[in-house]
N, C-alpha and C. Protein backbone atom coordinates (compact mmCIF):
# COMPACT_ATOMS: atom_id res chain seq x y z
N MET A 1 59.89 -5.50 -35.41
CA MET A 1 60.66 -6.49 -34.56
C MET A 1 60.21 -6.20 -33.23
N LEU A 2 60.25 -4.99 -32.68
CA LEU A 2 60.01 -4.72 -31.30
C LEU A 2 58.52 -4.90 -30.95
N TYR A 3 57.52 -4.74 -31.94
CA TYR A 3 56.22 -5.11 -31.80
C TYR A 3 56.08 -6.62 -31.71
N LEU A 4 56.69 -7.31 -32.45
CA LEU A 4 56.69 -8.84 -32.40
C LEU A 4 57.13 -9.24 -31.01
N ASN A 5 58.25 -8.69 -30.55
CA ASN A 5 58.81 -9.17 -29.20
C ASN A 5 57.83 -8.76 -28.12
N ARG A 6 57.16 -7.76 -28.06
CA ARG A 6 56.27 -7.39 -27.15
C ARG A 6 54.94 -8.35 -27.20
N LEU A 7 54.54 -8.52 -28.45
CA LEU A 7 53.45 -9.52 -28.62
C LEU A 7 53.70 -10.82 -28.04
N LEU A 8 55.04 -11.34 -28.28
CA LEU A 8 55.19 -12.74 -27.84
C LEU A 8 55.37 -12.60 -26.41
N SER A 9 55.98 -11.58 -25.79
CA SER A 9 56.07 -11.43 -24.21
C SER A 9 54.61 -11.42 -23.61
N ALA A 10 53.65 -10.74 -24.26
CA ALA A 10 52.29 -10.59 -23.74
C ALA A 10 51.72 -12.02 -23.86
N ILE A 11 51.98 -12.75 -24.97
CA ILE A 11 51.42 -13.94 -25.14
C ILE A 11 52.02 -14.97 -24.02
N GLY A 12 53.31 -14.94 -23.77
CA GLY A 12 53.80 -15.73 -22.82
C GLY A 12 53.34 -15.46 -21.21
N LEU A 13 53.14 -14.17 -20.95
CA LEU A 13 52.55 -13.80 -19.81
C LEU A 13 51.06 -14.34 -19.59
N VAL A 14 50.36 -14.23 -20.49
CA VAL A 14 49.07 -14.77 -20.50
C VAL A 14 48.98 -16.27 -20.34
N ALA A 15 49.89 -16.95 -20.99
CA ALA A 15 49.99 -18.55 -20.99
C ALA A 15 50.38 -18.80 -19.60
N VAL A 16 51.27 -18.09 -19.00
CA VAL A 16 51.75 -18.24 -17.53
C VAL A 16 50.50 -18.21 -16.59
N LEU A 17 49.90 -17.03 -16.80
CA LEU A 17 48.72 -16.79 -15.91
C LEU A 17 47.51 -17.86 -15.90
N LEU A 18 47.39 -18.20 -17.17
CA LEU A 18 46.25 -19.25 -17.46
C LEU A 18 46.85 -20.54 -16.78
N SER A 19 48.08 -20.87 -16.96
CA SER A 19 48.63 -22.07 -16.37
C SER A 19 48.53 -22.12 -14.83
N ILE A 20 48.86 -20.91 -14.24
CA ILE A 20 48.77 -20.80 -12.83
C ILE A 20 47.24 -20.96 -12.31
N ILE A 21 46.39 -20.47 -13.04
CA ILE A 21 44.91 -20.41 -12.70
C ILE A 21 44.45 -21.89 -12.78
N THR A 22 44.87 -22.50 -13.87
CA THR A 22 44.51 -23.86 -14.28
C THR A 22 44.80 -24.84 -13.10
N PHE A 23 45.99 -24.80 -12.81
CA PHE A 23 46.65 -25.67 -11.60
C PHE A 23 45.96 -25.40 -10.39
N TYR A 24 45.60 -23.95 -10.07
CA TYR A 24 44.94 -23.66 -8.90
C TYR A 24 43.55 -24.49 -8.76
N LEU A 25 42.91 -24.29 -9.96
CA LEU A 25 41.51 -24.85 -10.11
C LEU A 25 41.64 -26.41 -10.00
N LEU A 26 42.72 -26.99 -10.53
CA LEU A 26 42.84 -28.50 -10.53
C LEU A 26 43.05 -28.74 -9.05
N PHE A 27 43.75 -28.19 -8.26
CA PHE A 27 43.99 -28.45 -6.87
C PHE A 27 42.66 -28.22 -6.13
N LYS A 28 42.00 -27.14 -6.48
CA LYS A 28 40.72 -26.90 -5.67
C LYS A 28 39.71 -27.85 -5.84
N ILE A 29 39.60 -28.35 -7.23
CA ILE A 29 38.55 -29.23 -7.56
C ILE A 29 38.76 -30.59 -7.18
N THR A 30 40.02 -31.15 -7.06
CA THR A 30 40.35 -32.46 -6.71
C THR A 30 40.50 -32.62 -5.14
N ASN A 31 40.63 -31.51 -4.52
CA ASN A 31 40.80 -31.51 -2.98
C ASN A 31 39.91 -30.51 -2.40
N PRO A 32 38.47 -30.70 -2.47
CA PRO A 32 37.63 -29.70 -2.02
C PRO A 32 37.51 -29.74 -0.47
N GLU A 33 37.22 -28.63 0.05
CA GLU A 33 37.16 -28.48 1.59
C GLU A 33 35.74 -29.09 1.87
N ILE A 34 35.83 -29.89 3.02
CA ILE A 34 34.67 -30.55 3.41
C ILE A 34 33.70 -29.64 4.12
N GLY A 35 34.37 -28.70 5.01
CA GLY A 35 33.44 -27.93 5.62
C GLY A 35 32.60 -28.59 6.87
N ARG A 36 31.76 -27.98 7.48
CA ARG A 36 31.16 -28.47 8.71
C ARG A 36 29.86 -29.26 8.24
N ILE A 37 29.59 -30.13 9.06
CA ILE A 37 28.37 -31.06 8.77
C ILE A 37 27.67 -31.31 10.04
N ASP A 38 26.47 -30.59 10.00
CA ASP A 38 25.70 -30.71 11.36
C ASP A 38 25.17 -32.21 11.69
N SER A 39 24.70 -32.38 12.73
CA SER A 39 23.86 -33.77 13.10
C SER A 39 22.61 -33.85 12.57
N SER A 40 21.99 -32.60 12.39
CA SER A 40 20.65 -32.67 11.74
C SER A 40 20.48 -31.53 10.83
N TYR A 41 19.41 -31.71 9.88
CA TYR A 41 19.17 -30.69 8.86
C TYR A 41 17.62 -30.77 8.59
N ASP A 42 17.08 -29.54 8.42
CA ASP A 42 15.73 -29.44 8.02
C ASP A 42 15.43 -30.15 6.75
N ALA A 43 16.43 -30.09 5.80
CA ALA A 43 16.09 -30.60 4.47
C ALA A 43 17.45 -31.01 3.79
N ILE A 44 17.29 -32.00 3.06
CA ILE A 44 18.40 -32.39 2.09
C ILE A 44 18.16 -31.96 0.67
N VAL A 45 19.09 -31.33 0.11
CA VAL A 45 19.06 -30.74 -1.27
C VAL A 45 19.84 -31.65 -2.29
N ILE A 46 19.19 -32.12 -3.40
CA ILE A 46 19.73 -33.07 -4.23
C ILE A 46 19.88 -32.25 -5.67
N LEU A 47 21.05 -32.12 -6.12
CA LEU A 47 21.30 -31.36 -7.35
C LEU A 47 21.12 -32.43 -8.62
N SER A 48 20.82 -32.07 -9.70
CA SER A 48 20.73 -32.88 -10.75
C SER A 48 22.14 -33.20 -11.36
N GLY A 49 22.24 -34.22 -12.01
CA GLY A 49 23.58 -34.53 -12.89
C GLY A 49 24.17 -35.81 -12.67
N ASN A 50 23.63 -36.57 -11.38
CA ASN A 50 24.07 -37.87 -11.06
C ASN A 50 23.12 -38.63 -10.15
N PRO A 51 22.38 -39.57 -10.75
CA PRO A 51 21.36 -40.45 -9.95
C PRO A 51 21.96 -40.86 -8.53
N ASP A 52 23.37 -41.05 -8.49
CA ASP A 52 23.83 -41.46 -7.06
C ASP A 52 23.55 -40.44 -6.01
N ARG A 53 23.28 -39.31 -6.42
CA ARG A 53 22.88 -38.26 -5.42
C ARG A 53 21.76 -38.58 -4.83
N ALA A 54 20.72 -38.96 -5.52
CA ALA A 54 19.48 -39.22 -5.04
C ALA A 54 19.58 -40.50 -4.04
N VAL A 55 20.42 -41.48 -4.31
CA VAL A 55 20.58 -42.67 -3.46
C VAL A 55 21.24 -42.18 -2.10
N VAL A 56 22.28 -41.49 -2.10
CA VAL A 56 22.99 -40.84 -1.11
C VAL A 56 22.14 -39.78 -0.14
N GLY A 57 21.51 -39.04 -0.95
CA GLY A 57 20.60 -38.20 -0.32
C GLY A 57 19.33 -38.85 0.48
N SER A 58 18.94 -40.00 0.00
CA SER A 58 17.89 -40.65 0.74
C SER A 58 18.35 -41.22 2.16
N LYS A 59 19.68 -41.61 2.07
CA LYS A 59 20.37 -42.22 3.38
C LYS A 59 20.64 -40.97 4.27
N LEU A 60 20.87 -39.77 3.71
CA LEU A 60 21.22 -38.63 4.62
C LEU A 60 19.78 -38.08 5.16
N PHE A 61 18.78 -38.24 4.33
CA PHE A 61 17.42 -37.87 4.96
C PHE A 61 17.23 -38.46 6.20
N PHE A 62 17.38 -39.61 6.31
CA PHE A 62 17.19 -40.38 7.60
C PHE A 62 18.28 -40.22 8.71
N GLU A 63 19.48 -40.25 8.23
CA GLU A 63 20.63 -40.11 9.20
C GLU A 63 20.49 -38.67 9.80
N LYS A 64 20.19 -37.62 9.05
CA LYS A 64 20.18 -36.16 9.57
C LYS A 64 18.67 -35.87 10.08
N ASP A 65 17.85 -36.78 10.17
CA ASP A 65 16.61 -36.46 10.60
C ASP A 65 15.85 -35.26 9.96
N ALA A 66 15.86 -35.22 8.70
CA ALA A 66 15.26 -34.20 7.79
C ALA A 66 13.85 -34.28 7.53
N LYS A 67 13.07 -33.26 7.32
CA LYS A 67 11.80 -33.22 7.12
C LYS A 67 11.49 -33.14 5.58
N PHE A 68 12.30 -32.70 4.87
CA PHE A 68 12.16 -32.64 3.35
C PHE A 68 13.47 -32.98 2.53
N ILE A 69 13.05 -33.40 1.38
CA ILE A 69 14.06 -33.53 0.32
C ILE A 69 13.75 -32.51 -0.85
N TYR A 70 14.64 -31.55 -1.04
CA TYR A 70 14.37 -30.60 -2.08
C TYR A 70 15.20 -31.11 -3.38
N LEU A 71 14.45 -31.30 -4.35
CA LEU A 71 15.06 -31.96 -5.59
C LEU A 71 14.85 -31.05 -6.64
N SER A 72 16.08 -30.91 -7.47
CA SER A 72 16.24 -30.13 -8.64
C SER A 72 15.29 -30.56 -9.77
N LYS A 73 14.41 -29.56 -10.33
CA LYS A 73 13.46 -29.96 -11.30
C LYS A 73 14.21 -29.96 -12.76
N GLU A 74 14.94 -30.81 -13.10
CA GLU A 74 15.42 -30.87 -14.54
C GLU A 74 14.28 -31.55 -15.30
N ALA A 75 13.74 -30.94 -16.27
CA ALA A 75 12.67 -31.40 -17.00
C ALA A 75 13.01 -32.11 -18.40
N SER A 76 14.36 -32.29 -18.76
CA SER A 76 14.66 -32.74 -19.76
C SER A 76 14.29 -34.45 -19.82
N ILE A 77 14.03 -34.94 -20.99
CA ILE A 77 13.43 -36.40 -21.23
C ILE A 77 14.78 -37.30 -21.13
N VAL A 78 14.54 -38.30 -20.33
CA VAL A 78 15.55 -39.42 -20.36
C VAL A 78 15.19 -40.44 -21.34
N LYS A 79 15.93 -40.64 -22.46
CA LYS A 79 15.57 -41.39 -23.64
C LYS A 79 15.69 -42.75 -23.22
N ASN A 80 14.62 -43.64 -23.74
CA ASN A 80 14.52 -45.12 -23.55
C ASN A 80 14.43 -45.56 -24.88
N TYR A 81 15.60 -46.08 -25.44
CA TYR A 81 15.68 -46.49 -26.85
C TYR A 81 14.97 -47.95 -27.01
N ILE A 82 14.91 -48.63 -25.98
CA ILE A 82 14.16 -50.04 -26.03
C ILE A 82 12.70 -49.86 -25.90
N ASN A 83 12.18 -49.07 -25.07
CA ASN A 83 10.81 -48.80 -24.81
C ASN A 83 10.47 -47.31 -24.73
N SER A 84 9.95 -46.67 -25.87
CA SER A 84 9.81 -45.27 -25.69
C SER A 84 8.75 -44.83 -24.83
N SER A 85 7.90 -45.72 -24.67
CA SER A 85 6.70 -45.46 -23.60
C SER A 85 7.10 -45.33 -22.29
N ASP A 86 8.32 -45.76 -22.04
CA ASP A 86 8.90 -45.64 -20.69
C ASP A 86 9.73 -44.50 -20.33
N GLU A 87 9.67 -43.53 -21.35
CA GLU A 87 10.47 -42.46 -21.05
C GLU A 87 9.96 -41.35 -20.13
N LYS A 88 10.82 -40.96 -19.19
CA LYS A 88 10.42 -39.89 -18.19
C LYS A 88 11.42 -38.92 -18.20
N ARG A 89 10.96 -37.68 -17.43
CA ARG A 89 11.79 -36.50 -17.22
C ARG A 89 12.84 -36.98 -16.08
N VAL A 90 13.98 -36.36 -16.14
CA VAL A 90 15.03 -36.49 -15.27
C VAL A 90 14.56 -36.50 -13.78
N TYR A 91 13.75 -35.37 -13.46
CA TYR A 91 13.43 -35.33 -12.11
C TYR A 91 12.50 -36.43 -11.74
N GLU A 92 11.72 -36.99 -12.63
CA GLU A 92 10.77 -38.01 -12.47
C GLU A 92 11.60 -39.35 -12.09
N LYS A 93 12.69 -39.61 -12.89
CA LYS A 93 13.60 -40.72 -12.52
C LYS A 93 14.12 -40.59 -11.11
N TYR A 94 14.42 -39.46 -10.71
CA TYR A 94 14.98 -39.12 -9.36
C TYR A 94 13.96 -39.44 -8.30
N ILE A 95 12.77 -38.91 -8.54
CA ILE A 95 11.67 -39.34 -7.64
C ILE A 95 11.55 -40.92 -7.42
N ASP A 96 11.63 -41.51 -8.63
CA ASP A 96 11.60 -43.11 -8.52
C ASP A 96 12.59 -43.71 -7.56
N ILE A 97 13.76 -43.01 -7.70
CA ILE A 97 14.84 -43.52 -6.96
C ILE A 97 14.52 -43.22 -5.39
N LEU A 98 14.06 -42.09 -5.05
CA LEU A 98 13.67 -41.55 -3.68
C LEU A 98 12.79 -42.55 -3.18
N LEU A 99 11.74 -42.69 -3.99
CA LEU A 99 10.59 -43.57 -3.52
C LEU A 99 11.03 -44.93 -3.25
N LYS A 100 11.98 -45.53 -3.94
CA LYS A 100 12.51 -46.89 -3.77
C LYS A 100 13.27 -46.86 -2.49
N ASN A 101 13.89 -45.75 -2.11
CA ASN A 101 14.59 -45.78 -0.90
C ASN A 101 13.81 -45.10 0.25
N ASN A 102 12.54 -45.40 0.25
CA ASN A 102 11.55 -45.19 1.48
C ASN A 102 11.38 -43.76 1.77
N ILE A 103 11.60 -42.84 0.82
CA ILE A 103 11.20 -41.37 0.90
C ILE A 103 9.77 -41.35 0.56
N LEU A 104 8.87 -40.67 1.47
CA LEU A 104 7.60 -40.43 1.05
C LEU A 104 7.35 -39.46 0.05
N ARG A 105 6.46 -39.45 -0.78
CA ARG A 105 6.30 -38.36 -1.95
C ARG A 105 5.87 -36.97 -1.40
N LYS A 106 5.23 -37.00 -0.15
CA LYS A 106 4.93 -35.77 0.49
C LYS A 106 6.08 -35.14 1.06
N ASN A 107 7.30 -35.78 1.24
CA ASN A 107 8.45 -35.18 1.80
C ASN A 107 9.39 -34.70 0.55
N ILE A 108 8.92 -34.98 -0.74
CA ILE A 108 9.81 -34.44 -1.82
C ILE A 108 9.28 -33.21 -2.30
N VAL A 109 10.13 -32.17 -2.28
CA VAL A 109 9.66 -30.72 -2.88
C VAL A 109 10.68 -30.42 -4.08
N LEU A 110 10.01 -30.24 -5.27
CA LEU A 110 10.65 -29.75 -6.36
C LEU A 110 10.99 -28.33 -6.53
N PHE A 111 12.23 -27.97 -7.02
CA PHE A 111 12.46 -26.61 -7.08
C PHE A 111 12.89 -26.27 -8.38
N GLY A 112 12.65 -25.12 -8.83
CA GLY A 112 12.96 -24.60 -10.30
C GLY A 112 11.87 -24.81 -11.26
N VAL A 113 12.16 -24.61 -12.56
CA VAL A 113 11.31 -24.84 -13.58
C VAL A 113 11.72 -25.67 -14.54
N ASP A 114 12.66 -25.65 -15.05
CA ASP A 114 13.51 -26.70 -15.93
C ASP A 114 14.97 -26.30 -15.73
N ASN A 115 15.45 -26.80 -14.73
CA ASN A 115 16.93 -26.37 -14.36
C ASN A 115 17.85 -27.06 -15.34
N LYS A 116 18.63 -26.22 -15.98
CA LYS A 116 19.60 -26.65 -16.99
C LYS A 116 21.11 -26.70 -16.65
N SER A 117 21.38 -26.03 -15.48
CA SER A 117 22.78 -25.76 -14.98
C SER A 117 22.70 -25.73 -13.47
N THR A 118 23.99 -25.85 -12.83
CA THR A 118 24.04 -25.36 -11.46
C THR A 118 23.61 -24.05 -11.09
N TYR A 119 23.86 -23.06 -12.28
CA TYR A 119 23.59 -21.78 -11.93
C TYR A 119 22.04 -21.68 -11.86
N ASP A 120 21.31 -22.22 -12.59
CA ASP A 120 19.91 -22.31 -12.47
C ASP A 120 19.38 -22.89 -11.15
N GLU A 121 19.94 -23.93 -10.77
CA GLU A 121 19.67 -24.58 -9.42
C GLU A 121 19.94 -23.54 -8.24
N ALA A 122 20.98 -22.94 -8.29
CA ALA A 122 21.30 -21.91 -7.22
C ALA A 122 20.34 -20.79 -7.23
N ARG A 123 19.94 -20.17 -8.27
CA ARG A 123 19.15 -19.05 -8.48
C ARG A 123 17.77 -19.47 -8.09
N PHE A 124 17.16 -20.51 -8.58
CA PHE A 124 15.86 -20.97 -8.16
C PHE A 124 15.74 -21.33 -6.70
N PHE A 125 16.93 -21.99 -6.11
CA PHE A 125 16.91 -22.27 -4.73
C PHE A 125 16.73 -21.08 -3.80
N SER A 126 17.30 -20.00 -4.23
CA SER A 126 17.20 -18.73 -3.42
C SER A 126 15.89 -18.14 -3.43
N LYS A 127 15.12 -18.63 -4.24
CA LYS A 127 13.62 -18.07 -4.21
C LYS A 127 12.59 -18.99 -3.58
N ILE A 128 12.98 -20.04 -3.06
CA ILE A 128 12.09 -21.01 -2.33
C ILE A 128 11.49 -20.47 -1.12
N ASN A 129 10.35 -20.95 -0.74
CA ASN A 129 9.67 -20.55 0.39
C ASN A 129 10.25 -21.23 1.60
N SER A 130 11.05 -20.55 2.36
CA SER A 130 11.84 -21.08 3.42
C SER A 130 11.20 -21.10 4.78
N SER A 131 10.02 -20.98 4.82
CA SER A 131 9.37 -20.81 5.96
C SER A 131 9.37 -22.05 7.02
N ASP A 132 9.43 -23.06 6.45
CA ASP A 132 9.52 -24.43 7.16
C ASP A 132 10.98 -24.94 7.34
N ILE A 133 11.96 -24.35 6.89
CA ILE A 133 13.35 -24.88 7.08
C ILE A 133 14.25 -23.73 7.48
N GLN A 134 15.29 -24.06 8.09
CA GLN A 134 16.44 -23.20 8.52
C GLN A 134 17.81 -23.47 7.97
N ASN A 135 18.03 -24.87 8.00
CA ASN A 135 19.28 -25.27 7.38
C ASN A 135 18.89 -26.44 6.48
N VAL A 136 19.97 -26.37 5.42
CA VAL A 136 19.96 -27.53 4.34
C VAL A 136 21.35 -28.13 4.12
N LEU A 137 21.25 -29.37 3.66
CA LEU A 137 22.54 -30.01 3.21
C LEU A 137 22.54 -30.37 1.84
N ILE A 138 23.30 -29.78 1.02
CA ILE A 138 23.14 -29.96 -0.48
C ILE A 138 24.10 -31.13 -0.74
N VAL A 139 23.72 -32.07 -1.61
CA VAL A 139 24.38 -33.35 -1.98
C VAL A 139 24.74 -33.21 -3.57
N THR A 140 25.95 -33.39 -3.67
CA THR A 140 26.59 -33.47 -5.13
C THR A 140 27.74 -34.29 -5.17
N ASN A 141 28.60 -34.19 -6.13
CA ASN A 141 29.75 -34.99 -6.30
C ASN A 141 31.05 -34.21 -6.02
N LYS A 142 32.15 -35.07 -5.65
CA LYS A 142 33.39 -34.41 -5.16
C LYS A 142 33.86 -33.38 -6.13
N PHE A 143 33.99 -33.70 -7.39
CA PHE A 143 34.60 -32.72 -8.25
C PHE A 143 33.74 -31.52 -8.62
N HIS A 144 32.54 -31.65 -8.21
CA HIS A 144 31.37 -30.59 -8.60
C HIS A 144 31.37 -29.58 -7.45
N ILE A 145 31.73 -30.02 -6.10
CA ILE A 145 31.55 -29.20 -5.07
C ILE A 145 32.15 -27.66 -5.00
N TYR A 146 33.48 -27.49 -5.69
CA TYR A 146 34.06 -26.36 -5.58
C TYR A 146 33.15 -25.28 -6.34
N ARG A 147 32.67 -25.57 -7.63
CA ARG A 147 32.01 -24.70 -8.26
C ARG A 147 30.55 -24.50 -7.73
N VAL A 148 30.06 -25.52 -7.04
CA VAL A 148 28.72 -25.45 -6.46
C VAL A 148 28.72 -24.44 -5.36
N LYS A 149 29.68 -24.54 -4.50
CA LYS A 149 29.98 -23.58 -3.40
C LYS A 149 30.02 -21.98 -3.93
N LYS A 150 30.72 -21.92 -4.89
CA LYS A 150 30.88 -20.61 -5.56
C LYS A 150 29.65 -19.98 -6.10
N ILE A 151 28.84 -20.79 -6.85
CA ILE A 151 27.68 -20.42 -7.40
C ILE A 151 26.57 -20.14 -6.34
N PHE A 152 26.25 -21.19 -5.36
CA PHE A 152 25.40 -20.89 -4.45
C PHE A 152 25.58 -19.70 -3.52
N ASN A 153 26.82 -19.48 -3.26
CA ASN A 153 27.19 -18.22 -2.40
C ASN A 153 27.09 -17.02 -3.29
N THR A 154 26.91 -17.05 -4.56
CA THR A 154 26.63 -15.87 -5.34
C THR A 154 25.25 -15.12 -4.94
N PHE A 155 24.35 -16.08 -4.67
CA PHE A 155 23.05 -15.59 -4.52
C PHE A 155 22.71 -15.44 -2.90
N ASP A 156 21.76 -14.67 -2.70
CA ASP A 156 21.49 -14.48 -1.23
C ASP A 156 20.40 -15.41 -0.80
N GLN A 157 21.05 -16.36 -0.36
CA GLN A 157 20.18 -17.71 0.15
C GLN A 157 19.57 -17.49 1.47
N LYS A 158 18.18 -17.84 1.69
CA LYS A 158 17.55 -17.69 2.81
C LYS A 158 17.82 -18.67 3.89
N VAL A 159 18.47 -19.68 3.71
CA VAL A 159 18.73 -20.50 4.85
C VAL A 159 20.23 -20.93 4.82
N GLN A 160 20.62 -21.46 6.10
CA GLN A 160 22.03 -21.97 6.09
C GLN A 160 22.14 -23.28 5.26
N ILE A 161 23.32 -23.03 4.57
CA ILE A 161 23.61 -24.01 3.50
C ILE A 161 24.98 -24.70 3.96
N ASP A 162 25.03 -26.03 3.98
CA ASP A 162 26.19 -26.74 4.02
C ASP A 162 26.23 -27.74 3.05
N PHE A 163 27.43 -28.32 2.71
CA PHE A 163 27.56 -29.08 1.53
C PHE A 163 28.21 -30.46 1.93
N PHE A 164 27.68 -31.53 1.10
CA PHE A 164 28.11 -32.91 1.30
C PHE A 164 28.40 -33.43 -0.09
N TYR A 165 29.62 -33.96 -0.38
CA TYR A 165 29.92 -34.55 -1.64
C TYR A 165 30.22 -36.15 -1.53
N ILE A 166 29.82 -36.78 -2.66
CA ILE A 166 29.89 -38.08 -2.94
C ILE A 166 31.40 -38.40 -3.32
N ASP A 167 32.14 -39.25 -2.70
CA ASP A 167 33.40 -39.59 -2.92
C ASP A 167 33.62 -41.15 -3.33
N ASN A 168 33.31 -41.51 -4.52
CA ASN A 168 33.33 -42.90 -4.77
C ASN A 168 34.39 -43.28 -5.88
N ILE A 169 35.45 -42.37 -5.82
CA ILE A 169 36.48 -42.52 -6.81
C ILE A 169 37.84 -42.67 -6.05
N GLY A 170 38.65 -43.50 -6.15
CA GLY A 170 39.92 -43.57 -5.57
C GLY A 170 40.92 -42.46 -6.17
N ASP A 171 41.96 -42.81 -6.71
CA ASP A 171 42.93 -41.92 -7.29
C ASP A 171 42.36 -41.51 -8.81
N TRP A 172 41.84 -40.21 -8.69
CA TRP A 172 41.23 -39.71 -9.99
C TRP A 172 42.24 -39.77 -11.09
N LYS A 173 43.53 -39.62 -10.92
CA LYS A 173 44.37 -39.62 -12.10
C LYS A 173 44.50 -41.02 -12.71
N GLN A 174 43.99 -42.07 -12.19
CA GLN A 174 43.99 -43.39 -12.62
C GLN A 174 42.72 -43.69 -13.22
N ASP A 175 41.57 -42.85 -13.30
CA ASP A 175 40.37 -43.13 -13.82
C ASP A 175 40.05 -42.21 -14.98
N LYS A 176 39.84 -42.71 -16.10
CA LYS A 176 39.54 -42.02 -17.33
C LYS A 176 38.23 -41.15 -17.20
N GLY A 177 37.27 -41.87 -16.59
CA GLY A 177 36.14 -40.92 -16.38
C GLY A 177 36.23 -39.75 -15.34
N ALA A 178 37.01 -40.02 -14.24
CA ALA A 178 37.27 -39.02 -13.41
C ALA A 178 38.08 -37.98 -14.02
N ILE A 179 39.11 -38.21 -14.72
CA ILE A 179 39.91 -37.26 -15.52
C ILE A 179 39.09 -36.24 -16.46
N LYS A 180 38.08 -37.00 -17.01
CA LYS A 180 37.29 -36.23 -18.01
C LYS A 180 36.34 -35.28 -16.99
N MET A 181 35.77 -35.67 -15.92
CA MET A 181 35.18 -34.86 -15.00
C MET A 181 35.83 -33.73 -14.64
N VAL A 182 37.05 -33.90 -14.22
CA VAL A 182 38.01 -32.81 -13.59
C VAL A 182 38.13 -31.82 -14.69
N VAL A 183 38.62 -32.22 -15.90
CA VAL A 183 38.96 -31.32 -17.17
C VAL A 183 37.61 -30.33 -17.47
N SER A 184 36.52 -31.16 -17.30
CA SER A 184 35.22 -30.64 -17.54
C SER A 184 34.88 -29.40 -16.50
N GLU A 185 35.15 -29.85 -15.34
CA GLU A 185 34.91 -28.79 -14.22
C GLU A 185 35.87 -27.58 -14.47
N ILE A 186 37.08 -27.74 -14.73
CA ILE A 186 38.09 -26.67 -14.95
C ILE A 186 37.47 -25.72 -16.04
N MET A 187 37.08 -26.45 -17.06
CA MET A 187 36.40 -25.62 -18.27
C MET A 187 35.28 -24.79 -17.83
N LYS A 188 34.29 -25.48 -17.06
CA LYS A 188 33.18 -24.89 -16.49
C LYS A 188 33.52 -23.75 -15.54
N CYS A 189 34.52 -24.00 -14.81
CA CYS A 189 34.92 -22.72 -13.72
C CYS A 189 35.45 -21.58 -14.66
N PHE A 190 36.08 -21.74 -15.53
CA PHE A 190 36.59 -20.80 -16.54
C PHE A 190 35.22 -19.94 -17.12
N LEU A 191 34.39 -20.75 -17.64
CA LEU A 191 33.25 -20.11 -18.18
C LEU A 191 32.28 -19.43 -17.16
N TYR A 192 32.23 -20.16 -15.99
CA TYR A 192 31.53 -19.33 -14.88
C TYR A 192 32.14 -17.96 -14.56
N TYR A 193 33.41 -17.84 -14.43
CA TYR A 193 34.07 -16.66 -14.01
C TYR A 193 33.97 -15.65 -15.25
N ILE A 194 33.88 -16.16 -16.45
CA ILE A 194 33.88 -15.19 -17.69
C ILE A 194 32.28 -14.80 -17.84
N TYR A 195 31.44 -15.69 -17.86
CA TYR A 195 30.03 -15.44 -18.21
C TYR A 195 28.94 -15.52 -17.09
N GLY A 196 29.39 -16.12 -15.94
CA GLY A 196 28.42 -16.28 -14.96
C GLY A 196 27.48 -17.46 -15.31
N ASP A 197 26.20 -17.08 -15.76
CA ASP A 197 25.28 -18.15 -16.20
C ASP A 197 25.63 -18.56 -17.80
N PHE A 198 26.05 -19.72 -17.95
CA PHE A 198 26.47 -20.23 -19.19
C PHE A 198 25.71 -21.25 -19.73
N ASN A 199 24.39 -21.15 -19.66
CA ASN A 199 23.47 -22.32 -20.00
C ASN A 199 23.68 -22.62 -21.50
N GLY A 200 24.11 -21.54 -22.37
CA GLY A 200 24.10 -21.74 -23.90
C GLY A 200 25.54 -22.41 -24.27
N TYR A 201 26.31 -22.56 -23.25
CA TYR A 201 27.44 -23.30 -23.48
C TYR A 201 27.61 -24.66 -22.94
N LEU A 202 27.40 -24.94 -21.88
CA LEU A 202 27.40 -26.28 -21.33
C LEU A 202 26.30 -26.54 -20.30
N VAL A 203 25.98 -27.86 -20.07
CA VAL A 203 24.89 -28.11 -19.06
C VAL A 203 25.52 -28.99 -17.87
N TYR A 204 24.61 -29.54 -17.29
CA TYR A 204 25.13 -30.24 -15.87
C TYR A 204 26.41 -30.90 -16.09
N GLN A 205 27.00 -30.92 -14.91
CA GLN A 205 28.11 -31.71 -14.57
C GLN A 205 27.64 -33.04 -14.21
């Protein structure tokens, strides 16, 4: 009986700790810190996971007088079930968006080999040739920014990094898609803290 009481107490303590951590992550993910945004950047960095990032990144390229756009090279295939001959890799779709938004191909620099996670992106970006750039602005989504900062700061980045997030959702609690994204981010944060690189568990947000 004593053993059972101790076990139940331990389970209760773990449950309380997990609840506290979950609510902490919920707050941080849904209320990300904006941080500083400079008037100009040498490069805009677009992470994979949402094509809107390429559209917003294109606008920031001109607004921030950037010289380059660094694009995550996610090489998985985007399926086209109507016309299979039109299938492209994810990064090729992003390049198409950038070109349509008046970004010259010579200004687009791919980084990585076949990035499958934010961890891959941060790791490969830390290895880029940074001789032509000193500061960059990373573009992602609102609910992704908390984890992005944690992961990118894990690596010894060669350039100054600031972060910009897309906020196109009103009250996330009223949006089913946003709720799913927030829950997914909480899970991914737990996995990141436990495993670090968890490519085998989940891919892009």
